[in-house]
Each structure stands twice: as structure tokens, then as C-alpha cells.
Amino acid sequence: MRTQSPRDLARLSALLERAGVMLALDEGVLRATTPVSGWSALQHLFHLLLADELSLKNATSLVRGRGRLLTERGELDPRARAFLERGRLPQGAAAPRIVVPPPHPDLSLVRAIHADAVAALSAPELAGALPDGPLGIPHQALGVLGAGEWLRFARMHSAHHLRIARAVLGARG
């Protein structure tokens, strides 16, 4: 099994489109909370889009071979490898502090982060096969990931949070 796929870029692009459609919903609808999640749909969008932007910048840095966070890769933890190979995140993982959404995200800021993530996705460095070299950038839970693995993580993470955001929106009675 592989920890990355050439289809991840197109799939992430489609997920970012779906996030954009959600961001066009009424602000009150996006801010509503339900028992489905401790976060509103807007908070899920803030979180996933900020994580996407950071993940895509990490992948781009790795392809360029430049950046402060580049470090030698080793073997992935077996659990992290299993998540990446399966292509789906488990429920219930705690978000790292850097991407925890504020209680009331500013909608215009979330839309700007969305635009930044879309722009990062279209970086020429991410087109085509991504190198699987000896360097990676650490992920706080999964270990040191290569460029393709960062792209796979962004795709998995986006799908995970879009599912939850849709459930939150659907649960508004």
C-alpha cells in the first residue's frame, strides 16, 4: 500500500470547491452549533482550510528543497502509515493548537484563508508526481511526512472535516 496517490491533488481541489460552496451559505447557518460536534460548520471550515494551507506550503517547500522545517525522514509510525494508506482519518483526534478555530471565526477571514489554500494548491511545484526524497517536514501526530504525504493528509483531513461540517449543517433542526 502507498501513503500517497497521484489522485490526491484533484480530490483535494474538489474538496476545496465544496468548502467554497459552503462558505457561500448564510453566516447564521454557518455559525449554528448542534450536538453533532463541539464546533460550528464555520469553525470546521476555518480549521480545515488553515490546515490545508499549511500542508500545501509544506509540500511546496519539500518540492523546492527549501525551508526551515526540512528534516531527515525515517520510518513512519505504523499507525500513521496505516492512516495514510487507508486514506481516512479516525474520529476524535484533538486538533493542534495552531489550527484550533476561534469561538467565532470572522467569515471574511475564513474566505481569505480559502482563497489562499486554493492558490497554494495551484502552485506549479505540486503539478505532476511529487518527489519522495529523504527530507520531510514534521506533522505533530503523524511524524515526518514527504511532499506527497502532506498532500494526502490535506485531502484526508479536508474530507473528514467536510463530512462533519455537512452533518452539523444537516442537524440544524
Protein backbone atom coordinates (compact mmCIF):
# COMPACT_ATOMS: atom_id res chain seq x y z
CA MET A 1 0.00 0.00 0.00
CA ARG A 2 1.08 3.57 -0.59
CA THR A 3 0.98 6.63 1.65
CA GLN A 4 0.27 8.96 -1.27
CA SER A 5 -1.66 8.94 -4.53
CA PRO A 6 -1.45 10.93 -7.78
CA ARG A 7 -5.23 11.46 -7.44
CA ASP A 8 -4.89 13.36 -4.13
CA LEU A 9 -4.34 16.73 -5.86
CA ALA A 10 -7.54 16.51 -7.93
CA ARG A 11 -9.52 15.19 -4.98
CA LEU A 12 -8.28 17.99 -2.74
CA SER A 13 -9.20 20.51 -5.42
CA ALA A 14 -12.77 19.13 -5.48
CA LEU A 15 -12.95 19.28 -1.68
CA LEU A 16 -11.81 22.90 -1.69
CA GLU A 17 -14.57 23.64 -4.20
CA ARG A 18 -17.10 22.11 -1.81
CA ALA A 19 -15.70 24.21 1.02
CA GLY A 20 -16.18 27.30 -1.16
CA VAL A 21 -19.80 26.36 -1.77
CA MET A 22 -20.33 26.02 1.98
CA LEU A 23 -18.72 29.41 2.58
CA ALA A 24 -21.41 30.96 0.38
CA LEU A 25 -24.13 29.87 2.83
CA ASP A 26 -25.80 32.33 5.17
CA GLU A 27 -23.46 33.32 8.01
CA GLY A 28 -26.05 32.45 10.67
CA VAL A 29 -26.36 28.96 9.23
CA LEU A 30 -22.58 28.51 9.25
CA ARG A 31 -22.30 29.70 12.87
CA ALA A 32 -25.04 27.43 14.24
CA THR A 33 -23.90 24.72 16.64
CA THR A 34 -25.53 21.34 17.12
CA PRO A 35 -24.89 18.27 19.28
CA VAL A 36 -23.16 16.66 16.27
CA SER A 37 -19.91 18.49 17.05
CA GLY A 38 -18.46 20.95 19.52
CA TRP A 39 -17.71 23.22 16.56
CA SER A 40 -19.95 25.03 14.11
CA ALA A 41 -19.63 24.39 10.39
CA LEU A 42 -17.71 27.67 10.11
CA GLN A 43 -15.23 26.51 12.75
CA HIS A 44 -14.71 23.24 10.85
CA LEU A 45 -14.12 25.22 7.65
CA PHE A 46 -11.66 27.56 9.39
CA HIS A 47 -9.78 24.57 10.79
CA LEU A 48 -9.62 22.50 7.61
CA LEU A 49 -8.72 25.44 5.37
CA LEU A 50 -5.93 26.68 7.62
CA ALA A 51 -4.56 23.13 7.88
CA ASP A 52 -4.79 22.79 4.09
CA GLU A 53 -2.90 26.00 3.50
CA LEU A 54 -0.13 24.93 5.89
CA SER A 55 0.01 21.39 4.45
CA LEU A 56 0.26 22.67 0.88
CA LYS A 57 3.01 25.11 1.83
CA ASN A 58 4.89 22.21 3.45
CA ALA A 59 4.54 20.11 0.29
CA THR A 60 5.73 23.03 -1.85
CA SER A 61 8.73 23.64 0.43
CA LEU A 62 9.69 19.99 0.12
CA VAL A 63 9.49 20.03 -3.68
CA ARG A 64 11.62 23.18 -3.74
CA GLY A 65 14.02 21.66 -1.21
CA ARG A 66 13.99 24.85 0.86
CA GLY A 67 12.61 25.73 4.26
CA ARG A 68 13.44 25.84 7.95
CA LEU A 69 11.38 22.79 8.82
CA LEU A 70 13.01 20.32 6.42
CA THR A 71 14.41 17.35 8.27
CA GLU A 72 15.57 13.82 7.56
CA ARG A 73 12.78 11.29 7.16
CA GLY A 74 12.71 7.98 8.92
CA GLU A 75 10.16 5.20 9.09
CA LEU A 76 6.63 6.39 9.76
CA ASP A 77 4.95 5.19 12.92
CA PRO A 78 2.86 2.13 11.92
CA ARG A 79 -0.39 3.85 12.99
CA ALA A 80 0.45 6.95 10.91
CA ARG A 81 1.34 4.74 7.94
CA ALA A 82 -1.98 2.89 8.31
CA PHE A 83 -3.96 6.18 8.32
CA LEU A 84 -2.17 7.42 5.21
CA GLU A 85 -2.52 4.09 3.39
CA ARG A 86 -6.21 3.82 4.28
CA GLY A 87 -6.72 7.44 3.21
CA ARG A 88 -9.16 8.23 6.00
CA LEU A 89 -8.71 9.84 9.41
CA PRO A 90 -10.27 8.37 12.53
CA GLN A 91 -12.87 10.32 14.51
CA GLY A 92 -11.94 12.13 17.69
CA ALA A 93 -8.35 13.31 17.24
CA ALA A 94 -7.54 16.58 19.01
CA ALA A 95 -6.60 19.49 16.76
CA PRO A 96 -3.14 21.00 17.25
CA ARG A 97 -3.30 24.43 18.89
CA ILE A 98 -2.06 26.23 15.77
CA VAL A 99 -5.19 25.24 13.79
CA VAL A 100 -7.84 25.33 16.53
CA PRO A 101 -10.55 27.72 15.36
CA PRO A 102 -11.57 30.70 17.47
CA PRO A 103 -15.03 30.50 19.07
CA HIS A 104 -16.45 32.94 16.48
CA PRO A 105 -14.34 32.97 13.30
CA ASP A 106 -14.60 36.01 11.06
CA LEU A 107 -16.30 34.82 7.85
CA SER A 108 -14.27 37.15 5.63
CA LEU A 109 -11.06 35.77 7.17
CA VAL A 110 -12.18 32.18 6.53
CA ARG A 111 -12.96 33.10 2.93
CA ALA A 112 -9.49 34.66 2.60
CA ILE A 113 -7.87 31.50 4.02
CA HIS A 114 -9.91 29.51 1.47
CA ALA A 115 -8.54 31.69 -1.35
CA ASP A 116 -5.00 31.21 -0.01
CA ALA A 117 -5.45 27.43 0.13
CA VAL A 118 -6.80 27.37 -3.44
CA ALA A 119 -3.82 29.47 -4.57
CA ALA A 120 -1.38 27.17 -2.73
CA LEU A 121 -2.97 24.15 -4.42
CA SER A 122 -2.23 25.61 -7.84
CA ALA A 123 1.50 26.04 -7.17
CA PRO A 124 3.37 24.68 -10.21
CA GLU A 125 5.56 22.62 -7.87
CA LEU A 126 2.57 20.47 -6.95
CA ALA A 127 1.70 19.53 -10.54
CA GLY A 128 2.73 16.04 -11.55
CA ALA A 129 4.43 13.38 -9.48
CA LEU A 130 5.81 14.66 -6.21
CA PRO A 131 9.30 13.56 -5.19
CA ASP A 132 9.63 11.03 -2.40
CA GLY A 133 13.03 12.13 -1.19
CA PRO A 134 14.98 11.77 2.03
CA LEU A 135 13.63 15.01 3.52
CA GLY A 136 10.28 15.71 5.12
CA ILE A 137 8.53 18.13 7.41
CA PRO A 138 7.21 17.02 10.80
CA HIS A 139 3.49 16.65 11.40
CA GLN A 140 2.65 16.87 15.10
CA ALA A 141 0.88 13.49 15.18
CA LEU A 142 1.92 11.55 12.07
CA GLY A 143 5.68 12.09 12.10
CA VAL A 144 7.91 13.41 9.33
CA LEU A 145 5.96 13.48 6.06
CA GLY A 146 7.15 13.84 2.48
CA ALA A 147 5.53 16.14 -0.08
CA GLY A 148 3.03 13.57 -1.37
CA GLU A 149 2.13 12.54 2.16
CA TRP A 150 1.39 16.17 3.08
CA LEU A 151 -0.90 16.37 0.08
CA ARG A 152 -2.58 13.08 1.07
CA PHE A 153 -3.00 14.34 4.64
CA ALA A 154 -4.61 17.58 3.41
CA ARG A 155 -7.04 15.59 1.25
CA MET A 156 -7.92 13.16 4.06
CA HIS A 157 -8.26 15.92 6.64
CA SER A 158 -10.44 18.05 4.37
CA ALA A 159 -12.78 15.16 3.57
CA HIS A 160 -13.01 14.34 7.29
CA HIS A 161 -13.98 17.86 8.34
CA LEU A 162 -16.28 18.50 5.38
CA ARG A 163 -18.23 15.36 6.38
CA ILE A 164 -18.57 16.72 9.90
CA ALA A 165 -19.49 20.22 8.69
CA ARG A 166 -22.21 18.73 6.45
CA ALA A 167 -23.52 16.75 9.44
CA VAL A 168 -23.58 19.92 11.56
CA LEU A 169 -25.47 21.76 8.83
CA GLY A 170 -27.88 18.86 8.38
CA ALA A 171 -28.58 18.61 12.12
CA ARG A 172 -29.87 22.18 12.41
CA GLY A 173 -33.45 21.48 13.33
